[in-house]
Every structure is written in structure tokens, then in C-alpha cells.
Amino acid sequence: MPRPNKAARGKHRWIAMQVNKSIQRDSLKKLLGESLDGLDWKLYDSEKQSKRTYAIIKITLPEYQLATARLNKISGFETITSSGKIRLVRERVKSYL
């Protein structure tokens, strides 16, 4: 079955965040699941550094504001950038690595 055309897929945003501790991908996914409960999201990238973790998630456009607010309420989490294109978000995150 063919993929739906671009307009039918819906709009979304990519959000990059910084976690102030080194955390495994599975633990990060569980923590995000608890905080973003009820929202449609997906974890794409997770880069673990010595004392920090950087992650990129995909969220639907209507839920973007709520997701950003919830992420910034988590202790040790900080959103650093967002865009409608993952390429731009990945480029911006590279400057933090």
C-alpha cells in the first residue's frame, strides 16, 4: 500500500533536549513516556556524553507547546531547539556536542 502524500501525513515538530545526566536510551524513553503521557511522540536520536545526554523527539504540531512545557518541567531537562526539519535540529545539536 502506498504511503499517504505529504499533506495527508500531518505537521510535526522536532524537539532537541539536553538532560543534565548520562542516561540510557531505555530509561530516557520511560521517563519521557511518563511526562508526555497522552501525547503522540517518538524518540529518534539519543546521544550520551560523559555527563549529559542529548535527545531528539518528534511531536505533532498541535501538541508542540504542551510537550515543550512538560519537558522543561522535568528536573534536569531543558529543550534547546526545535524545527519542522530534523536536519536543522541535528545541525544545531552538533554545536553542543
PDB file of N, CA and C in Angstrom:
ATOM      1  N   MET A   1       0.838  -1.169   0.000  1.00  0.00           N
ATOM      2  CA  MET A   1       0.000   0.000   0.000  1.00  0.00           C
ATOM      3  C   MET A   1       0.895   1.248   0.000  1.00  0.00           C
ATOM      4  N   PRO A   2       0.624   2.205  -0.879  1.00  0.00           N
ATOM      5  CA  PRO A   2       1.487   3.397  -0.952  1.00  0.00           C
ATOM      6  C   PRO A   2       1.323   4.293   0.272  1.00  0.00           C
ATOM      7  N   ARG A   3       2.381   5.015   0.536  1.00  0.00           N
ATOM      8  CA  ARG A   3       2.387   5.972   1.641  1.00  0.00           C
ATOM      9  C   ARG A   3       1.460   7.139   1.338  1.00  0.00           C
ATOM     10  N   PRO A   4       0.811   7.723   2.344  1.00  0.00           N
ATOM     11  CA  PRO A   4      -0.029   8.899   2.084  1.00  0.00           C
ATOM     12  C   PRO A   4       0.831  10.066   1.597  1.00  0.00           C
ATOM     13  N   ASN A   5       0.229  10.940   0.799  1.00  0.00           N
ATOM     14  CA  ASN A   5       1.017  12.060   0.306  1.00  0.00           C
ATOM     15  C   ASN A   5       1.398  12.989   1.456  1.00  0.00           C
ATOM     16  N   LYS A   6       2.283  13.912   1.200  1.00  0.00           N
ATOM     17  CA  LYS A   6       2.862  14.740   2.253  1.00  0.00           C
ATOM     18  C   LYS A   6       1.806  15.519   3.041  1.00  0.00           C
ATOM     19  N   ALA A   7       0.848  16.087   2.379  1.00  0.00           N
ATOM     20  CA  ALA A   7      -0.178  16.886   3.059  1.00  0.00           C
ATOM     21  C   ALA A   7      -1.045  16.035   3.994  1.00  0.00           C
ATOM     22  N   ALA A   8      -1.246  14.782   3.661  1.00  0.00           N
ATOM     23  CA  ALA A   8      -2.105  13.908   4.461  1.00  0.00           C
ATOM     24  C   ALA A   8      -1.395  13.359   5.705  1.00  0.00           C
ATOM     25  N   ARG A   9      -0.065  13.507   5.765  1.00  0.00           N
ATOM     26  CA  ARG A   9       0.686  12.959   6.893  1.00  0.00           C
ATOM     27  C   ARG A   9       0.629  13.825   8.146  1.00  0.00           C
ATOM     28  N   GLY A  10       0.231  15.063   8.026  1.00  0.00           N
ATOM     29  CA  GLY A  10       0.144  15.932   9.197  1.00  0.00           C
ATOM     30  C   GLY A  10       1.452  16.641   9.494  1.00  0.00           C
ATOM     31  N   LYS A  11       1.343  17.736  10.193  1.00  0.00           N
ATOM     32  CA  LYS A  11       2.528  18.518  10.525  1.00  0.00           C
ATOM     33  C   LYS A  11       3.072  18.090  11.880  1.00  0.00           C
ATOM     34  N   HIS A  12       4.370  18.244  12.036  1.00  0.00           N
ATOM     35  CA  HIS A  12       5.028  17.850  13.270  1.00  0.00           C
ATOM     36  C   HIS A  12       6.213  18.782  13.547  1.00  0.00           C
ATOM     37  N   ARG A  13       6.778  18.659  14.722  1.00  0.00           N
ATOM     38  CA  ARG A  13       7.962  19.409  15.115  1.00  0.00           C
ATOM     39  C   ARG A  13       8.963  18.445  15.720  1.00  0.00           C
ATOM     40  N   TRP A  14      10.233  18.748  15.497  1.00  0.00           N
ATOM     41  CA  TRP A  14      11.335  18.015  16.092  1.00  0.00           C
ATOM     42  C   TRP A  14      11.839  18.864  17.256  1.00  0.00           C
ATOM     43  N   ILE A  15      11.980  18.279  18.424  1.00  0.00           N
ATOM     44  CA  ILE A  15      12.443  18.993  19.605  1.00  0.00           C
ATOM     45  C   ILE A  15      13.726  18.343  20.108  1.00  0.00           C
ATOM     46  N   ALA A  16      14.770  19.166  20.261  1.00  0.00           N
ATOM     47  CA  ALA A  16      16.027  18.688  20.833  1.00  0.00           C
ATOM     48  C   ALA A  16      16.070  19.098  22.292  1.00  0.00           C
ATOM     49  N   MET A  17      16.546  18.190  23.125  1.00  0.00           N
ATOM     50  CA  MET A  17      16.627  18.490  24.550  1.00  0.00           C
ATOM     51  C   MET A  17      17.957  18.017  25.110  1.00  0.00           C
ATOM     52  N   GLN A  18      18.313  18.642  26.216  1.00  0.00           N
ATOM     53  CA  GLN A  18      19.534  18.296  26.931  1.00  0.00           C
ATOM     54  C   GLN A  18      19.133  17.792  28.312  1.00  0.00           C
ATOM     55  N   VAL A  19      19.700  16.661  28.687  1.00  0.00           N
ATOM     56  CA  VAL A  19      19.449  16.086  30.009  1.00  0.00           C
ATOM     57  C   VAL A  19      20.758  16.209  30.782  1.00  0.00           C
ATOM     58  N   ASN A  20      20.702  16.761  31.984  1.00  0.00           N
ATOM     59  CA  ASN A  20      21.916  17.045  32.751  1.00  0.00           C
ATOM     60  C   ASN A  20      22.489  15.841  33.483  1.00  0.00           C
ATOM     61  N   LYS A  21      22.319  14.668  32.906  1.00  0.00           N
ATOM     62  CA  LYS A  21      22.957  13.456  33.409  1.00  0.00           C
ATOM     63  C   LYS A  21      23.069  12.463  32.270  1.00  0.00           C
ATOM     64  N   SER A  22      23.969  11.537  32.406  1.00  0.00           N
ATOM     65  CA  SER A  22      24.131  10.489  31.408  1.00  0.00           C
ATOM     66  C   SER A  22      23.068   9.428  31.677  1.00  0.00           C
ATOM     67  N   ILE A  23      22.240   9.174  30.696  1.00  0.00           N
ATOM     68  CA  ILE A  23      21.100   8.265  30.881  1.00  0.00           C
ATOM     69  C   ILE A  23      20.973   7.344  29.668  1.00  0.00           C
ATOM     70  N   GLN A  24      20.650   6.085  29.929  1.00  0.00           N
ATOM     71  CA  GLN A  24      20.473   5.108  28.860  1.00  0.00           C
ATOM     72  C   GLN A  24      19.217   5.432  28.055  1.00  0.00           C
ATOM     73  N   ARG A  25      19.193   5.024  26.798  1.00  0.00           N
ATOM     74  CA  ARG A  25      18.065   5.287  25.911  1.00  0.00           C
ATOM     75  C   ARG A  25      16.747   4.729  26.464  1.00  0.00           C
ATOM     76  N   ASP A  26      16.776   3.500  26.987  1.00  0.00           N
ATOM     77  CA  ASP A  26      15.557   2.883  27.526  1.00  0.00           C
ATOM     78  C   ASP A  26      15.015   3.664  28.721  1.00  0.00           C
ATOM     79  N   SER A  27      15.904   4.099  29.598  1.00  0.00           N
ATOM     80  CA  SER A  27      15.483   4.887  30.767  1.00  0.00           C
ATOM     81  C   SER A  27      14.924   6.236  30.340  1.00  0.00           C
ATOM     82  N   LEU A  28      15.558   6.830  29.340  1.00  0.00           N
ATOM     83  CA  LEU A  28      15.100   8.116  28.818  1.00  0.00           C
ATOM     84  C   LEU A  28      13.704   7.966  28.201  1.00  0.00           C
ATOM     85  N   LYS A  29      13.520   6.904  27.447  1.00  0.00           N
ATOM     86  CA  LYS A  29      12.224   6.650  26.806  1.00  0.00           C
ATOM     87  C   LYS A  29      11.118   6.467  27.855  1.00  0.00           C
ATOM     88  N   LYS A  30      11.436   5.762  28.934  1.00  0.00           N
ATOM     89  CA  LYS A  30      10.466   5.541  30.002  1.00  0.00           C
ATOM     90  C   LYS A  30      10.113   6.861  30.696  1.00  0.00           C
ATOM     91  N   LEU A  31      11.117   7.672  30.978  1.00  0.00           N
ATOM     92  CA  LEU A  31      10.897   8.960  31.630  1.00  0.00           C
ATOM     93  C   LEU A  31      10.075   9.896  30.755  1.00  0.00           C
ATOM     94  N   LEU A  32      10.381   9.914  29.457  1.00  0.00           N
ATOM     95  CA  LEU A  32       9.610  10.738  28.521  1.00  0.00           C
ATOM     96  C   LEU A  32       8.171  10.235  28.420  1.00  0.00           C
ATOM     97  N   GLY A  33       7.996   8.932  28.423  1.00  0.00           N
ATOM     98  CA  GLY A  33       6.658   8.346  28.346  1.00  0.00           C
ATOM     99  C   GLY A  33       5.778   8.760  29.512  1.00  0.00           C
ATOM    100  N   GLU A  34       6.376   8.831  30.699  1.00  0.00           N
ATOM    101  CA  GLU A  34       5.626   9.258  31.880  1.00  0.00           C
ATOM    102  C   GLU A  34       5.264  10.737  31.789  1.00  0.00           C
ATOM    103  N   SER A  35       6.190  11.548  31.304  1.00  0.00           N
ATOM    104  CA  SER A  35       5.970  13.001  31.246  1.00  0.00           C
ATOM    105  C   SER A  35       5.073  13.416  30.088  1.00  0.00           C
ATOM    106  N   LEU A  36       5.182  12.721  28.977  1.00  0.00           N
ATOM    107  CA  LEU A  36       4.414  13.075  27.783  1.00  0.00           C
ATOM    108  C   LEU A  36       3.205  12.155  27.602  1.00  0.00           C
ATOM    109  N   ASP A  37       2.718  11.622  28.693  1.00  0.00           N
ATOM    110  CA  ASP A  37       1.580  10.704  28.650  1.00  0.00           C
ATOM    111  C   ASP A  37       0.379  11.368  27.977  1.00  0.00           C
ATOM    112  N   GLY A  38      -0.197  10.671  27.018  1.00  0.00           N
ATOM    113  CA  GLY A  38      -1.353  11.192  26.297  1.00  0.00           C
ATOM    114  C   GLY A  38      -0.996  11.956  25.034  1.00  0.00           C
ATOM    115  N   LEU A  39       0.282  12.227  24.820  1.00  0.00           N
ATOM    116  CA  LEU A  39       0.721  12.929  23.613  1.00  0.00           C
ATOM    117  C   LEU A  39       1.304  11.932  22.620  1.00  0.00           C
ATOM    118  N   ASP A  40       1.245  12.280  21.349  1.00  0.00           N
ATOM    119  CA  ASP A  40       1.783  11.433  20.286  1.00  0.00           C
ATOM    120  C   ASP A  40       3.220  11.863  20.015  1.00  0.00           C
ATOM    121  N   TRP A  41       4.201  11.071  20.469  1.00  0.00           N
ATOM    122  CA  TRP A  41       5.606  11.430  20.312  1.00  0.00           C
ATOM    123  C   TRP A  41       6.429  10.183  19.994  1.00  0.00           C
ATOM    124  N   LYS A  42       7.660  10.419  19.517  1.00  0.00           N
ATOM    125  CA  LYS A  42       8.579   9.323  19.232  1.00  0.00           C
ATOM    126  C   LYS A  42      10.007   9.806  19.443  1.00  0.00           C
ATOM    127  N   LEU A  43      10.819   9.006  20.129  1.00  0.00           N
ATOM    128  CA  LEU A  43      12.227   9.320  20.354  1.00  0.00           C
ATOM    129  C   LEU A  43      13.025   8.883  19.128  1.00  0.00           C
ATOM    130  N   TYR A  44      13.774   9.813  18.536  1.00  0.00           N
ATOM    131  CA  TYR A  44      14.566   9.492  17.357  1.00  0.00           C
ATOM    132  C   TYR A  44      16.047   9.346  17.671  1.00  0.00           C
ATOM    133  N   ASP A  45      16.664  10.383  18.185  1.00  0.00           N
ATOM    134  CA  ASP A  45      18.100  10.341  18.457  1.00  0.00           C
ATOM    135  C   ASP A  45      18.348  10.444  19.953  1.00  0.00           C
ATOM    136  N   SER A  46      19.391   9.765  20.391  1.00  0.00           N
ATOM    137  CA  SER A  46      19.820   9.857  21.780  1.00  0.00           C
ATOM    138  C   SER A  46      21.339   9.743  21.785  1.00  0.00           C
ATOM    139  N   GLU A  47      22.017  10.805  22.173  1.00  0.00           N
ATOM    140  CA  GLU A  47      23.481  10.850  22.179  1.00  0.00           C
ATOM    141  C   GLU A  47      23.950  11.038  23.610  1.00  0.00           C
ATOM    142  N   LYS A  48      24.631  10.023  24.146  1.00  0.00           N
ATOM    143  CA  LYS A  48      25.087  10.064  25.532  1.00  0.00           C
ATOM    144  C   LYS A  48      26.514  10.597  25.579  1.00  0.00           C
ATOM    145  N   GLN A  49      26.719  11.634  26.379  1.00  0.00           N
ATOM    146  CA  GLN A  49      28.040  12.188  26.631  1.00  0.00           C
ATOM    147  C   GLN A  49      28.458  11.774  28.040  1.00  0.00           C
ATOM    148  N   SER A  50      29.611  12.233  28.503  1.00  0.00           N
ATOM    149  CA  SER A  50      30.083  11.824  29.824  1.00  0.00           C
ATOM    150  C   SER A  50      29.135  12.252  30.941  1.00  0.00           C
ATOM    151  N   LYS A  51      28.656  13.498  30.922  1.00  0.00           N
ATOM    152  CA  LYS A  51      27.781  13.970  31.988  1.00  0.00           C
ATOM    153  C   LYS A  51      26.439  14.476  31.486  1.00  0.00           C
ATOM    154  N   ARG A  52      26.185  14.364  30.203  1.00  0.00           N
ATOM    155  CA  ARG A  52      24.928  14.850  29.623  1.00  0.00           C
ATOM    156  C   ARG A  52      24.431  13.879  28.567  1.00  0.00           C
ATOM    157  N   THR A  53      23.158  14.000  28.281  1.00  0.00           N
ATOM    158  CA  THR A  53      22.539  13.247  27.197  1.00  0.00           C
ATOM    159  C   THR A  53      21.752  14.231  26.340  1.00  0.00           C
ATOM    160  N   TYR A  54      21.883  14.098  25.026  1.00  0.00           N
ATOM    161  CA  TYR A  54      21.125  14.916  24.088  1.00  0.00           C
ATOM    162  C   TYR A  54      20.163  14.003  23.350  1.00  0.00           C
ATOM    163  N   ALA A  55      18.939  14.469  23.174  1.00  0.00           N
ATOM    164  CA  ALA A  55      17.921  13.644  22.532  1.00  0.00           C
ATOM    165  C   ALA A  55      17.066  14.500  21.609  1.00  0.00           C
ATOM    166  N   ILE A  56      16.501  13.846  20.587  1.00  0.00           N
ATOM    167  CA  ILE A  56      15.584  14.497  19.656  1.00  0.00           C
ATOM    168  C   ILE A  56      14.317  13.660  19.599  1.00  0.00           C
ATOM    169  N   ILE A  57      13.180  14.342  19.788  1.00  0.00           N
ATOM    170  CA  ILE A  57      11.898  13.666  19.678  1.00  0.00           C
ATOM    171  C   ILE A  57      11.057  14.338  18.597  1.00  0.00           C
ATOM    172  N   LYS A  58      10.114  13.570  18.077  1.00  0.00           N
ATOM    173  CA  LYS A  58       9.158  14.079  17.094  1.00  0.00           C
ATOM    174  C   LYS A  58       7.809  14.180  17.784  1.00  0.00           C
ATOM    175  N   ILE A  59       7.137  15.321  17.620  1.00  0.00           N
ATOM    176  CA  ILE A  59       5.845  15.567  18.248  1.00  0.00           C
ATOM    177  C   ILE A  59       4.919  16.192  17.220  1.00  0.00           C
ATOM    178  N   THR A  60       3.629  15.948  17.336  1.00  0.00           N
ATOM    179  CA  THR A  60       2.690  16.566  16.395  1.00  0.00           C
ATOM    180  C   THR A  60       2.610  18.065  16.670  1.00  0.00           C
ATOM    181  N   LEU A  61       2.355  18.839  15.633  1.00  0.00           N
ATOM    182  CA  LEU A  61       2.327  20.292  15.754  1.00  0.00           C
ATOM    183  C   LEU A  61       1.307  20.803  16.777  1.00  0.00           C
ATOM    184  N   PRO A  62       0.079  20.296  16.805  1.00  0.00           N
ATOM    185  CA  PRO A  62      -0.873  20.807  17.806  1.00  0.00           C
ATOM    186  C   PRO A  62      -0.438  20.557  19.264  1.00  0.00           C
ATOM    187  N   GLU A  63       0.395  19.554  19.492  1.00  0.00           N
ATOM    188  CA  GLU A  63       0.837  19.207  20.842  1.00  0.00           C
ATOM    189  C   GLU A  63       2.197  19.797  21.198  1.00  0.00           C
ATOM    190  N   TYR A  64       2.779  20.560  20.293  1.00  0.00           N
ATOM    191  CA  TYR A  64       4.137  21.084  20.464  1.00  0.00           C
ATOM    192  C   TYR A  64       4.291  21.953  21.711  1.00  0.00           C
ATOM    193  N   GLN A  65       3.409  22.928  21.909  1.00  0.00           N
ATOM    194  CA  GLN A  65       3.510  23.846  23.047  1.00  0.00           C
ATOM    195  C   GLN A  65       3.406  23.087  24.373  1.00  0.00           C
ATOM    196  N   LEU A  66       2.445  22.194  24.461  1.00  0.00           N
ATOM    197  CA  LEU A  66       2.242  21.418  25.681  1.00  0.00           C
ATOM    198  C   LEU A  66       3.448  20.520  25.961  1.00  0.00           C
ATOM    199  N   ALA A  67       3.968  19.881  24.921  1.00  0.00           N
ATOM    200  CA  ALA A  67       5.123  18.987  25.084  1.00  0.00           C
ATOM    201  C   ALA A  67       6.343  19.765  25.565  1.00  0.00           C
ATOM    202  N   THR A  68       6.587  20.928  24.991  1.00  0.00           N
ATOM    203  CA  THR A  68       7.726  21.748  25.394  1.00  0.00           C
ATOM    204  C   THR A  68       7.602  22.162  26.863  1.00  0.00           C
ATOM    205  N   ALA A  69       6.416  22.563  27.262  1.00  0.00           N
ATOM    206  CA  ALA A  69       6.188  22.955  28.653  1.00  0.00           C
ATOM    207  C   ALA A  69       6.424  21.778  29.599  1.00  0.00           C
ATOM    208  N   ARG A  70       5.922  20.609  29.235  1.00  0.00           N
ATOM    209  CA  ARG A  70       6.097  19.428  30.087  1.00  0.00           C
ATOM    210  C   ARG A  70       7.562  19.017  30.181  1.00  0.00           C
ATOM    211  N   LEU A  71       8.283  19.080  29.062  1.00  0.00           N
ATOM    212  CA  LEU A  71       9.697  18.692  29.068  1.00  0.00           C
ATOM    213  C   LEU A  71      10.522  19.621  29.952  1.00  0.00           C
ATOM    214  N   ASN A  72      10.248  20.906  29.896  1.00  0.00           N
ATOM    215  CA  ASN A  72      11.013  21.860  30.688  1.00  0.00           C
ATOM    216  C   ASN A  72      10.680  21.781  32.181  1.00  0.00           C
ATOM    217  N   LYS A  73       9.581  21.140  32.543  1.00  0.00           N
ATOM    218  CA  LYS A  73       9.233  20.965  33.956  1.00  0.00           C
ATOM    219  C   LYS A  73       9.980  19.793  34.591  1.00  0.00           C
ATOM    220  N   ILE A  74      10.489  18.878  33.769  1.00  0.00           N
ATOM    221  CA  ILE A  74      11.213  17.724  34.294  1.00  0.00           C
ATOM    222  C   ILE A  74      12.557  18.216  34.835  1.00  0.00           C
ATOM    223  N   SER A  75      12.875  17.816  36.046  1.00  0.00           N
ATOM    224  CA  SER A  75      14.135  18.221  36.669  1.00  0.00           C
ATOM    225  C   SER A  75      15.327  17.706  35.849  1.00  0.00           C
ATOM    226  N   GLY A  76      16.220  18.615  35.466  1.00  0.00           N
ATOM    227  CA  GLY A  76      17.410  18.239  34.706  1.00  0.00           C
ATOM    228  C   GLY A  76      17.216  18.236  33.203  1.00  0.00           C
ATOM    229  N   PHE A  77      15.998  18.487  32.720  1.00  0.00           N
ATOM    230  CA  PHE A  77      15.708  18.528  31.290  1.00  0.00           C
ATOM    231  C   PHE A  77      15.631  19.972  30.827  1.00  0.00           C
ATOM    232  N   GLU A  78      16.104  20.223  29.616  1.00  0.00           N
ATOM    233  CA  GLU A  78      16.000  21.554  29.021  1.00  0.00           C
ATOM    234  C   GLU A  78      15.881  21.401  27.508  1.00  0.00           C
ATOM    235  N   THR A  79      14.837  21.981  26.928  1.00  0.00           N
ATOM    236  CA  THR A  79      14.735  21.969  25.472  1.00  0.00           C
ATOM    237  C   THR A  79      15.703  23.006  24.945  1.00  0.00           C
ATOM    238  N   ILE A  80      16.435  22.657  23.877  1.00  0.00           N
ATOM    239  CA  ILE A  80      17.446  23.575  23.366  1.00  0.00           C
ATOM    240  C   ILE A  80      17.112  24.128  21.990  1.00  0.00           C
ATOM    241  N   THR A  81      16.350  23.401  21.204  1.00  0.00           N
ATOM    242  CA  THR A  81      15.954  23.898  19.883  1.00  0.00           C
ATOM    243  C   THR A  81      14.806  23.069  19.348  1.00  0.00           C
ATOM    244  N   SER A  82      14.140  23.601  18.337  1.00  0.00           N
ATOM    245  CA  SER A  82      13.078  22.847  17.669  1.00  0.00           C
ATOM    246  C   SER A  82      12.926  23.380  16.254  1.00  0.00           C
ATOM    247  N   SER A  83      12.349  22.545  15.391  1.00  0.00           N
ATOM    248  CA  SER A  83      12.153  22.917  13.998  1.00  0.00           C
ATOM    249  C   SER A  83      11.201  21.922  13.357  1.00  0.00           C
ATOM    250  N   GLY A  84      10.754  22.252  12.165  1.00  0.00           N
ATOM    251  CA  GLY A  84       9.942  21.335  11.385  1.00  0.00           C
ATOM    252  C   GLY A  84      10.793  20.381  10.562  1.00  0.00           C
ATOM    253  N   LYS A  85      12.108  20.585  10.588  1.00  0.00           N
ATOM    254  CA  LYS A  85      13.035  19.736   9.819  1.00  0.00           C
ATOM    255  C   LYS A  85      14.081  19.132  10.748  1.00  0.00           C
ATOM    256  N   ILE A  86      14.191  17.811  10.725  1.00  0.00           N
ATOM    257  CA  ILE A  86      15.146  17.135  11.613  1.00  0.00           C
ATOM    258  C   ILE A  86      16.584  17.491  11.256  1.00  0.00           C
ATOM    259  N   ARG A  87      16.847  17.744   9.997  1.00  0.00           N
ATOM    260  CA  ARG A  87      18.198  18.098   9.572  1.00  0.00           C
ATOM    261  C   ARG A  87      18.694  19.340  10.308  1.00  0.00           C
ATOM    262  N   LEU A  88      17.840  20.344  10.424  1.00  0.00           N
ATOM    263  CA  LEU A  88      18.217  21.577  11.113  1.00  0.00           C
ATOM    264  C   LEU A  88      18.445  21.343  12.601  1.00  0.00           C
ATOM    265  N   VAL A  89      17.604  20.540  13.208  1.00  0.00           N
ATOM    266  CA  VAL A  89      17.758  20.247  14.631  1.00  0.00           C
ATOM    267  C   VAL A  89      19.057  19.494  14.879  1.00  0.00           C
ATOM    268  N   ARG A  90      19.373  18.519  14.040  1.00  0.00           N
ATOM    269  CA  ARG A  90      20.617  17.757  14.204  1.00  0.00           C
ATOM    270  C   ARG A  90      21.838  18.654  14.047  1.00  0.00           C
ATOM    271  N   GLU A  91      21.801  19.590  13.098  1.00  0.00           N
ATOM    272  CA  GLU A  91      22.913  20.523  12.922  1.00  0.00           C
ATOM    273  C   GLU A  91      23.107  21.388  14.160  1.00  0.00           C
ATOM    274  N   ARG A  92      22.020  21.853  14.738  1.00  0.00           N
ATOM    275  CA  ARG A  92      22.098  22.709  15.928  1.00  0.00           C
ATOM    276  C   ARG A  92      22.601  21.928  17.129  1.00  0.00           C
ATOM    277  N   VAL A  93      22.213  20.672  17.269  1.00  0.00           N
ATOM    278  CA  VAL A  93      22.660  19.859  18.394  1.00  0.00           C
ATOM    279  C   VAL A  93      24.155  19.580  18.302  1.00  0.00           C
ATOM    280  N   LYS A  94      24.684  19.470  17.097  1.00  0.00           N
ATOM    281  CA  LYS A  94      26.115  19.219  16.914  1.00  0.00           C
ATOM    282  C   LYS A  94      26.966  20.305  17.567  1.00  0.00           C
ATOM    283  N   SER A  95      26.458  21.518  17.619  1.00  0.00           N
ATOM    284  CA  SER A  95      27.223  22.607  18.231  1.00  0.00           C
ATOM    285  C   SER A  95      27.334  22.412  19.759  1.00  0.00           C
ATOM    286  N   TYR A  96      26.449  21.621  20.350  1.00  0.00           N
ATOM    287  CA  TYR A  96      26.513  21.345  21.785  1.00  0.00           C
ATOM    288  C   TYR A  96      27.430  20.177  22.107  1.00  0.00           C
ATOM    289  N   LEU A  97      27.666  19.301  21.137  1.00  0.00           N
ATOM    290  CA  LEU A  97      28.475  18.096  21.379  1.00  0.00           C
ATOM    291  C   LEU A  97      29.946  18.387  21.469  1.00  0.00           C
TER     292      LEU A  97
END
